[in-house]
C-alpha atoms as a PDB file:
ATOM      1  CA  UNK A   1       1.311  -8.366 -40.436  1.00  0.00           C
ATOM      2  CA  UNK A   2       4.541  -6.531 -39.254  1.00  0.00           C
ATOM      3  CA  UNK A   3       4.387  -8.185 -35.784  1.00  0.00           C
ATOM      4  CA  UNK A   4       4.007 -11.672 -37.300  1.00  0.00           C
ATOM      5  CA  UNK A   5       7.027 -11.006 -39.512  1.00  0.00           C
ATOM      6  CA  UNK A   6       9.040  -9.744 -36.505  1.00  0.00           C
ATOM      7  CA  UNK A   7       7.948 -12.731 -34.367  1.00  0.00           C
ATOM      8  CA  UNK A   8       8.968 -15.083 -37.201  1.00  0.00           C
ATOM      9  CA  UNK A   9      12.445 -13.526 -37.526  1.00  0.00           C
ATOM     10  CA  UNK A  10      12.928 -13.562 -33.742  1.00  0.00           C
ATOM     11  CA  UNK A  11      11.877 -17.257 -33.685  1.00  0.00           C
ATOM     12  CA  UNK A  12      14.260 -18.244 -36.304  1.00  0.00           C
ATOM     13  CA  UNK A  13      17.170 -16.224 -34.525  1.00  0.00           C
ATOM     14  CA  UNK A  14      16.389 -18.065 -31.324  1.00  0.00           C
ATOM     15  CA  UNK A  15      16.306 -21.420 -33.075  1.00  0.00           C
ATOM     16  CA  UNK A  16      19.762 -20.764 -34.674  1.00  0.00           C
ATOM     17  CA  UNK A  17      21.162 -19.647 -31.304  1.00  0.00           C
ATOM     18  CA  UNK A  18      19.785 -22.759 -29.596  1.00  0.00           C
ATOM     19  CA  UNK A  19      20.953 -25.298 -32.150  1.00  0.00           C
ATOM     20  CA  UNK A  20      24.391 -26.828 -32.260  1.00  0.00           C
ATOM     21  CA  UNK A  21      26.175 -29.942 -33.169  1.00  0.00           C
ATOM     22  CA  UNK A  22      27.867 -32.719 -31.364  1.00  0.00           C
ATOM     23  CA  UNK A  23      30.525 -35.065 -32.667  1.00  0.00           C
ATOM     24  CA  UNK A  24      33.164 -37.516 -31.366  1.00  0.00           C
ATOM     25  CA  UNK A  25      36.806 -37.385 -32.447  1.00  0.00           C
ATOM     26  CA  UNK A  26      39.910 -39.325 -31.926  1.00  0.00           C
ATOM     27  CA  UNK A  27      42.524 -37.679 -29.722  1.00  0.00           C
ATOM     28  CA  UNK A  28      45.519 -37.364 -32.077  1.00  0.00           C
ATOM     29  CA  UNK A  29      47.971 -36.077 -29.401  1.00  0.00           C
ATOM     30  CA  UNK A  30      47.768 -39.240 -27.242  1.00  0.00           C
ATOM     31  CA  UNK A  31      47.418 -42.165 -29.558  1.00  0.00           C
ATOM     32  CA  UNK A  32      47.655 -45.567 -27.908  1.00  0.00           C
ATOM     33  CA  UNK A  33      47.580 -49.153 -29.322  1.00  0.00           C
ATOM     34  CA  UNK A  34      44.226 -50.528 -28.589  1.00  0.00           C
ATOM     35  CA  UNK A  35      44.607 -53.726 -30.570  1.00  0.00           C
ATOM     36  CA  UNK A  36      44.898 -55.743 -27.355  1.00  0.00           C
ATOM     37  CA  UNK A  37      41.827 -54.080 -25.852  1.00  0.00           C
ATOM     38  CA  UNK A  38      38.738 -56.267 -25.743  1.00  0.00           C
ATOM     39  CA  UNK A  39      36.052 -53.781 -26.853  1.00  0.00           C
ATOM     40  CA  UNK A  40      33.317 -56.322 -26.112  1.00  0.00           C
ATOM     41  CA  UNK A  41      34.034 -55.860 -22.383  1.00  0.00           C
ATOM     42  CA  UNK A  42      34.143 -52.110 -22.538  1.00  0.00           C
ATOM     43  CA  UNK A  43      30.861 -51.883 -20.863  1.00  0.00           C
ATOM     44  CA  UNK A  44      32.088 -53.740 -17.884  1.00  0.00           C
ATOM     45  CA  UNK A  45      34.904 -51.285 -17.115  1.00  0.00           C
ATOM     46  CA  UNK A  46      34.585 -48.322 -14.896  1.00  0.00           C
ATOM     47  CA  UNK A  47      34.133 -44.917 -16.605  1.00  0.00           C
ATOM     48  CA  UNK A  48      34.840 -41.341 -15.720  1.00  0.00           C
ATOM     49  CA  UNK A  49      34.261 -38.079 -17.523  1.00  0.00           C
ATOM     50  CA  UNK A  50      35.648 -34.561 -17.337  1.00  0.00           C
ATOM     51  CA  UNK A  51      34.312 -31.608 -19.207  1.00  0.00           C
ATOM     52  CA  UNK A  52      35.324 -28.048 -20.157  1.00  0.00           C
ATOM     53  CA  UNK A  53      32.568 -25.710 -21.221  1.00  0.00           C
ATOM     54  CA  UNK A  54      32.321 -22.071 -22.229  1.00  0.00           C
ATOM     55  CA  UNK A  55      29.732 -19.363 -22.908  1.00  0.00           C
ATOM     56  CA  UNK A  56      30.715 -16.683 -25.324  1.00  0.00           C
ATOM     57  CA  UNK A  57      34.491 -16.441 -24.508  1.00  0.00           C
ATOM     58  CA  UNK A  58      34.094 -17.178 -20.765  1.00  0.00           C
ATOM     59  CA  UNK A  59      34.901 -20.676 -19.334  1.00  0.00           C
ATOM     60  CA  UNK A  60      32.274 -22.223 -17.169  1.00  0.00           C
ATOM     61  CA  UNK A  61      34.134 -25.574 -16.656  1.00  0.00           C
ATOM     62  CA  UNK A  62      37.924 -25.729 -16.425  1.00  0.00           C
ATOM     63  CA  UNK A  63      39.244 -29.357 -16.669  1.00  0.00           C
ATOM     64  CA  UNK A  64      38.741 -31.783 -19.535  1.00  0.00           C
ATOM     65  CA  UNK A  65      41.899 -33.847 -19.116  1.00  0.00           C
ATOM     66  CA  UNK A  66      42.176 -37.660 -19.093  1.00  0.00           C
ATOM     67  CA  UNK A  67      43.738 -37.293 -15.618  1.00  0.00           C
ATOM     68  CA  UNK A  68      40.696 -35.539 -14.215  1.00  0.00           C
ATOM     69  CA  UNK A  69      38.307 -38.009 -15.854  1.00  0.00           C
ATOM     70  CA  UNK A  70      40.061 -40.954 -14.402  1.00  0.00           C
ATOM     71  CA  UNK A  71      40.133 -39.223 -10.951  1.00  0.00           C
ATOM     72  CA  UNK A  72      36.271 -38.712 -11.306  1.00  0.00           C
ATOM     73  CA  UNK A  73      35.839 -42.345 -12.134  1.00  0.00           C
ATOM     74  CA  UNK A  74      38.210 -43.675  -9.491  1.00  0.00           C
ATOM     75  CA  UNK A  75      40.223 -45.343 -12.349  1.00  0.00           C
ATOM     76  CA  UNK A  76      43.903 -46.158 -11.768  1.00  0.00           C
ATOM     77  CA  UNK A  77      44.731 -47.627 -15.272  1.00  0.00           C
ATOM     78  CA  UNK A  78      43.026 -46.068 -18.421  1.00  0.00           C
ATOM     79  CA  UNK A  79      42.323 -48.582 -21.155  1.00  0.00           C
ATOM     80  CA  UNK A  80      40.439 -46.541 -23.658  1.00  0.00           C
ATOM     81  CA  UNK A  81      39.393 -42.824 -23.940  1.00  0.00           C
ATOM     82  CA  UNK A  82      37.209 -40.922 -26.245  1.00  0.00           C
ATOM     83  CA  UNK A  83      36.476 -37.245 -26.673  1.00  0.00           C
ATOM     84  CA  UNK A  84      33.262 -35.404 -27.614  1.00  0.00           C
ATOM     85  CA  UNK A  85      32.637 -31.833 -28.576  1.00  0.00           C
ATOM     86  CA  UNK A  86      29.320 -29.904 -28.474  1.00  0.00           C
ATOM     87  CA  UNK A  87      29.292 -26.670 -30.308  1.00  0.00           C
ATOM     88  CA  UNK A  88      26.630 -23.923 -30.157  1.00  0.00           C
ATOM     89  CA  UNK A  89      26.866 -20.413 -31.656  1.00  0.00           C
ATOM     90  CA  UNK A  90      27.285 -18.869 -28.176  1.00  0.00           C
ATOM     91  CA  UNK A  91      29.206 -21.648 -26.379  1.00  0.00           C
ATOM     92  CA  UNK A  92      29.960 -25.244 -26.244  1.00  0.00           C
ATOM     93  CA  UNK A  93      31.836 -27.952 -24.308  1.00  0.00           C
ATOM     94  CA  UNK A  94      34.747 -30.419 -24.712  1.00  0.00           C
ATOM     95  CA  UNK A  95      34.426 -33.647 -22.761  1.00  0.00           C
ATOM     96  CA  UNK A  96      36.804 -36.603 -22.250  1.00  0.00           C
ATOM     97  CA  UNK A  97      35.492 -39.892 -21.147  1.00  0.00           C
ATOM     98  CA  UNK A  98      37.902 -42.597 -20.040  1.00  0.00           C
ATOM     99  CA  UNK A  99      37.374 -46.355 -19.342  1.00  0.00           C
ATOM    100  CA  UNK A 100      39.688 -48.493 -17.183  1.00  0.00           C
ATOM    101  CA  UNK A 101      40.279 -50.333 -13.953  1.00  0.00           C
END
């Protein structure tokens, strides 16, 4: 009976450590006017992504800037960008995705 209890506690602990959350947020620092951007054509634009991740307090990825995302997608003019964060108890990541020409 004690081993089932210990196994249950260990399973719950692993479950909590493995779960996390993801959300998209707007980037308040670099707001741009997108009223002239045709969002119906966003899927036809090139895209690039750059991520920064960490485990405990140690970074495992270093660059999550719009500049690096544009470089990764071979984009010279950014039309739209979005950010996403994934958080776990022991780590997470922050990614920037840009769209452009």
